[in-house]
Every structure is written in structure tokens, then in C-alpha cells.
Protein backbone atom coordinates (compact mmCIF):
# COMPACT_ATOMS: atom_id res chain seq x y z
CA MET A 1 -28.46 -32.69 67.57
CA ALA A 2 -30.02 -29.48 68.79
CA ILE A 3 -29.33 -28.24 72.21
CA ARG A 4 -32.52 -28.24 74.27
CA ASP A 5 -31.37 -28.12 77.82
CA ILE A 6 -28.64 -26.25 79.85
CA ARG A 7 -27.40 -27.83 83.00
CA LEU A 8 -26.30 -25.45 85.76
CA PRO A 9 -23.52 -26.15 88.19
CA ASN A 10 -25.96 -26.83 91.04
CA GLY A 11 -27.67 -29.55 88.87
CA GLU A 12 -30.79 -27.59 87.82
CA VAL A 13 -31.74 -27.81 84.18
CA LEU A 14 -32.94 -25.01 82.09
CA LYS A 15 -35.30 -26.08 79.12
CA LEU A 16 -34.86 -23.57 76.26
CA ASP A 17 -38.40 -23.72 75.30
CA GLU A 18 -39.14 -21.91 78.77
CA TRP A 19 -35.98 -19.58 78.74
CA LEU A 20 -34.54 -17.08 76.42
CA HIS A 21 -31.35 -14.98 76.09
CA TYR A 22 -32.57 -11.61 77.50
CA PRO A 23 -30.13 -9.25 79.23
CA LEU A 24 -31.28 -6.94 81.97
CA PHE A 25 -30.00 -3.39 81.91
CA SER A 26 -30.21 -0.32 84.15
CA THR A 27 -28.72 3.16 83.97
CA ILE A 28 -27.23 5.41 86.76
CA GLU A 29 -25.88 8.95 86.38
CA PHE A 30 -23.24 10.83 88.44
CA ALA A 31 -21.47 14.09 88.36
CA ALA A 32 -17.52 14.51 88.33
CA ARG A 33 -15.74 14.40 91.76
CA THR A 34 -18.56 12.49 93.44
CA LYS A 35 -18.29 9.98 96.13
CA LEU A 36 -20.27 7.37 94.51
CA ASN A 37 -23.09 5.35 96.04
CA LEU A 38 -25.91 4.31 93.59
CA LYS A 39 -27.97 1.29 92.98
CA ALA A 40 -29.00 0.05 89.57
CA PHE A 41 -32.07 -2.01 88.81
CA THR A 42 -34.09 -0.23 91.40
CA TYR A 43 -36.57 1.35 89.08
CA SER A 44 -38.75 0.84 86.06
CA VAL A 45 -39.69 3.11 83.05
CA GLY A 46 -41.41 6.33 84.15
CA GLN A 47 -39.55 6.33 87.59
CA THR A 48 -36.52 8.27 88.64
CA VAL A 49 -33.13 7.34 87.33
CA PRO A 50 -30.73 7.02 90.23
CA SER A 51 -28.21 9.95 90.14
CA GLN A 52 -25.83 12.00 92.13
CA GLY A 53 -24.97 15.67 91.28
CA ILE A 54 -27.04 15.27 88.12
CA ALA A 55 -30.63 16.71 87.63
CA LYS A 56 -33.27 14.07 88.28
CA ARG A 57 -35.23 12.85 85.28
CA PRO A 58 -37.73 9.99 84.65
CA ALA A 59 -36.53 6.84 83.05
CA ASP A 60 -37.23 5.87 79.41
CA GLU A 61 -36.98 2.58 77.57
CA GLY A 62 -33.24 3.37 76.91
CA ASP A 63 -32.52 3.50 80.62
CA THR A 64 -33.85 0.14 81.78
CA ASN A 65 -35.90 -2.85 80.65
CA MET A 66 -37.07 -3.77 84.28
CA VAL A 67 -40.66 -4.69 84.50
CA VAL A 68 -41.04 -4.01 88.17
CA ARG A 69 -38.56 -1.89 90.32
CA GLY A 70 -35.96 -3.50 92.34
CA ARG A 71 -37.01 -7.19 91.90
CA THR A 72 -37.73 -9.86 89.50
CA ASN A 73 -41.42 -10.15 88.27
CA HIS A 74 -43.63 -12.78 89.88
CA ASP A 75 -43.81 -14.88 86.62
CA GLU A 76 -40.07 -14.43 85.55
CA ALA A 77 -36.57 -15.32 86.70
CA MET A 78 -33.05 -14.67 85.59
CA VAL A 79 -29.86 -16.56 85.47
CA VAL A 80 -26.91 -14.36 85.36
CA PHE A 81 -24.00 -15.59 83.37
CA ALA A 82 -22.03 -12.32 82.82
CA LEU A 83 -21.76 -8.63 83.46
CA THR A 84 -20.85 -5.66 81.31
CA TYR A 85 -21.60 -2.11 80.86
CA GLU A 86 -21.44 0.97 78.70
CA LEU A 87 -20.28 4.52 79.63
CA PHE A 88 -21.54 7.83 78.08
CA GLY A 89 -20.13 11.41 78.82
CA LEU A 90 -22.78 13.91 79.97
CA SER A 91 -20.22 16.69 79.84
CA ASP A 92 -17.00 17.25 78.06
CA ALA A 93 -13.53 16.20 79.50
CA SER A 94 -10.43 18.23 79.66
CA VAL A 95 -7.03 16.87 79.32
CA ASP A 96 -6.26 18.51 82.64
CA PRO A 97 -7.95 16.56 85.64
CA ASN A 98 -7.70 19.56 87.77
CA GLY A 99 -10.35 21.35 85.72
CA ASN A 100 -8.26 23.94 83.96
CA ALA A 101 -10.77 25.47 81.65
CA ALA A 102 -7.91 26.62 79.14
CA ALA A 103 -6.79 23.13 78.61
CA PRO A 104 -7.89 21.32 75.45
CA LEU A 105 -10.58 18.83 75.44
CA ALA A 106 -9.80 15.11 75.68
CA ALA A 107 -13.37 13.92 75.01
CA VAL A 108 -16.52 15.64 73.83
CA ALA A 109 -19.72 14.29 75.24
CA PRO A 110 -21.06 11.66 74.83
CA GLN A 111 -17.45 10.43 74.46
CA TYR A 112 -15.59 9.84 77.84
CA SER A 113 -11.93 10.06 78.46
CA ARG A 114 -9.40 7.39 79.23
CA HIS A 115 -8.41 9.31 82.41
CA ASN A 116 -11.95 9.23 83.79
CA LEU A 117 -12.33 5.55 82.99
CA PHE A 118 -9.13 4.85 84.83
CA ALA A 119 -10.34 6.81 87.92
CA LEU A 120 -13.43 4.59 87.94
CA GLN A 121 -11.50 1.53 87.66
CA ARG A 122 -9.22 2.56 90.42
CA SER A 123 -11.85 3.55 92.98
CA CYS A 124 -15.31 2.06 92.10
CA LEU A 125 -16.67 -1.04 93.66
CA VAL A 126 -19.49 -3.21 92.08
CA GLU A 127 -21.64 -5.36 94.12
CA LEU A 128 -24.71 -7.52 93.47
CA PHE A 129 -27.18 -7.89 96.27
CA TYR A 130 -29.92 -10.55 96.11
CA GLY A 131 -32.85 -10.99 98.74
CA ALA A 132 -34.60 -8.67 100.93
CA ASN A 133 -32.63 -7.05 103.82
CA ILE A 134 -29.63 -8.75 102.70
CA ASN A 135 -26.20 -6.81 103.37
CA LYS A 136 -23.83 -9.68 102.08
CA PRO A 137 -23.36 -9.34 98.43
CA GLN A 138 -23.52 -12.31 96.06
CA LEU A 139 -20.73 -10.62 94.06
CA ARG A 140 -18.20 -7.91 94.90
CA VAL A 141 -15.52 -6.95 92.57
CA PRO A 142 -13.46 -3.68 91.55
CA PHE A 143 -14.88 -1.99 88.50
CA SER A 144 -11.70 -2.75 86.72
CA ARG A 145 -12.59 -6.59 86.81
CA ILE A 146 -15.56 -6.01 84.56
CA ALA A 147 -14.63 -5.85 80.87
CA GLN A 148 -16.60 -3.90 78.31
CA SER A 149 -18.21 -6.02 75.62
CA VAL A 150 -20.66 -3.50 74.08
CA GLY A 151 -20.21 -0.09 72.58
CA PRO A 152 -18.00 1.46 69.84
CA SER A 153 -14.45 0.32 69.10
CA ILE A 154 -12.18 3.37 70.03
CA HIS A 155 -9.13 4.41 68.18
CA GLY A 156 -7.44 7.45 69.73
CA THR A 157 -5.64 10.12 67.57
CA THR A 158 -2.85 12.51 68.10
CA LEU A 159 -2.82 15.59 65.61
CA GLY A 160 -0.23 17.82 67.04
CA THR A 161 0.32 19.82 70.40
CA ASN A 162 -0.03 23.25 71.45
CA GLY A 163 3.32 23.63 73.02
CA GLN A 164 2.30 22.39 76.54
CA ALA A 165 3.58 18.85 77.31
CA GLY A 166 0.85 16.23 77.02
CA PHE A 167 -1.78 18.67 75.62
CA VAL A 168 -3.18 17.51 72.18
CA VAL A 169 -4.94 19.71 69.86
CA GLY A 170 -7.47 18.07 67.61
CA GLY A 171 -6.71 14.65 69.14
CA THR A 172 -8.73 12.45 71.48
CA ASP A 173 -8.07 10.47 74.63
CA LEU A 174 -11.12 8.11 74.52
CA GLY A 175 -11.47 5.30 76.93
CA THR A 176 -12.67 1.63 76.51
CA SER A 177 -12.26 -1.25 78.78
CA GLY A 178 -10.79 -3.82 76.52
CA ARG A 179 -11.89 -5.24 73.16
CA ILE A 180 -15.40 -4.57 72.07
CA SER A 181 -16.47 -8.27 71.69
CA ALA A 182 -18.78 -10.82 73.26
CA ASN A 183 -15.66 -12.76 73.98
CA ASN A 184 -14.47 -9.97 76.20
CA GLN A 185 -17.36 -10.08 78.62
CA TRP A 186 -16.76 -11.04 82.00
CA ARG A 187 -18.28 -14.47 82.55
CA LEU A 188 -19.07 -15.78 86.08
CA GLU A 189 -17.57 -19.14 86.98
CA ILE A 190 -20.92 -19.97 88.74
CA PRO A 191 -24.01 -18.24 87.43
CA ILE A 192 -26.18 -16.21 89.77
CA TYR A 193 -29.85 -17.52 89.86
CA LEU A 194 -32.37 -14.70 90.50
CA GLU A 195 -35.59 -16.52 91.41
CA ALA A 196 -39.10 -15.12 90.61
CA ASP A 197 -40.34 -12.14 92.79
CA ARG A 198 -37.09 -11.67 94.62
CA VAL A 199 -35.34 -8.30 95.54
CA PHE A 200 -32.04 -7.57 93.88
CA ASN A 201 -29.90 -4.65 92.83
CA VAL A 202 -26.38 -3.82 91.69
CA ARG A 203 -24.59 -1.03 93.83
CA PHE A 204 -21.79 1.09 92.48
CA SER A 205 -19.81 2.87 95.20
CA SER A 206 -16.39 4.53 95.94
CA PRO A 207 -14.77 4.72 99.38
CA GLU A 208 -13.68 8.30 98.69
CA ALA A 209 -14.83 11.08 96.41
CA LEU A 210 -13.54 10.70 92.64
CA ALA A 211 -11.52 13.98 93.11
CA ASP A 212 -9.71 13.70 89.92
CA MET A 213 -12.80 12.78 87.72
CA ASN A 214 -13.59 15.82 85.53
CA GLN A 215 -16.63 14.53 83.69
CA ASP A 216 -20.22 13.79 84.36
CA LEU A 217 -21.02 10.31 83.27
CA ARG A 218 -24.01 7.86 82.49
CA LEU A 219 -23.30 4.17 83.15
CA ARG A 220 -25.65 1.48 81.79
CA CYS A 221 -25.08 -1.82 83.46
CA PHE A 222 -26.11 -5.22 81.81
CA LEU A 223 -26.78 -8.47 83.55
CA ASP A 224 -26.51 -10.89 80.72
CA GLY A 225 -27.95 -14.39 80.67
CA MET A 226 -31.16 -16.37 80.53
CA LYS A 227 -34.54 -15.08 81.54
CA ARG A 228 -37.64 -17.29 82.02
CA ARG A 229 -40.44 -16.38 79.60
CA PRO A 230 -43.30 -14.72 81.16
CA VAL A 231 -46.52 -16.68 81.49
CA ALA A 232 -48.59 -14.26 79.18
């Protein structure tokens, strides 16, 4: 027997002929050693990508699939079942977090290093805000809580050293937050329902500057779940 309906924990029923699996995604960009405070899902194609310490640029279809900026469209809605993300290096990363130019590279853009991922996981906070003028988030977790379920599978290598402890020549120190699989995606115990024509955003912030981060990064955030089909 085919599944036609999905019942949410609050008793509401989604009819699959009216809903489809359609993750929303949005991109932010930030420089190394930034005190992070950026909001994703606040723009649409052609508008400016939120960034700190990075040259401003207009968004394209690879940055976001939002129809309108900062809100669900009037004829759509979203039920968020999970969060995940992708990271891309916008600059190379050294194995020395202090920025020693003579140190070998740990990751060559668009790769990103394990060290910089750890710095984000240690200091970054992720919050989902829903509703106009609302300052209490629907979701607030450390970045380390969100597993990565999209992107390449990373296998680091060590091909010798240059005589300095820990410095690897020809090797890589690439980061990934867990096994790249849909099963590794962090699923919410209670889905978050974003009604039609409602304001929302996802904020990435850190209480202090990421002083030991030595790589500029692009982060693409995904809200995975079911989206109501547009009327036309």
C-alpha cells in the first residue's frame, strides 16, 4: 500500500499530492579570524550574499533557492525535518594556525582543513528564528551538533615530513563532519513548520573572534524537508 499521507507530531497531516521533498539552501561567506554574525535565508538570487571580511557579490542559483528574501512565499510552506551543510575554502589553509607563510599547506581551496572545521565546531552557534520581530529561536545548537550529510567523502594522506614536527609535505588535512550519508544528517525530533508568508532566518554566530582560523570559508546551509507545492 502506497504512503499518501504523513502525520506530524502535532496531529497535522501532509498529503503527498500537495507536498514534495524540496530542501531549501542558502550561503554565507566569512574571512579568517572573524567574529561571526551572519544570517542565511535572507536573500534571493540577484541580491547580495551575506558576508564578513569578503568582497560583496550578487547571489546566483548555486547560492540559494529562496523565492523571496527572508520569508516563505505566500503560496508555499516548509516543514523542516533536518539540517545539514557544506563548506568550501575561499583561500588556502596552512598547517600553522598562526599564519606562518613558510608552513606547508593543509588544504588548497576549495578544500578546507580539519583544523578550521574544529574551530567552527568549537565556537560557532546555529539558531533558527521564525516569525517577525522574534528574538527567541526555534532552534539553538552548537555547530558541532549538525552532522554533514552532503559533499565529498574525505580521505587524508601523509606523504612525508619536511623535518618540522607535524608539518606534512604533499599531504592533506581535510575536514569533514562525519560520514557523508543521508543517515548521518541531523534529524529533528519534532519538525519545525514554517507557514506560508512567514519571516525566518538561520543565524551563524560566535561569541568571540575565530582567532585561530586561517582560511576564508563559504558555508551553504540546507533546511531539509517537505515543501508545499506552489499554486502555479
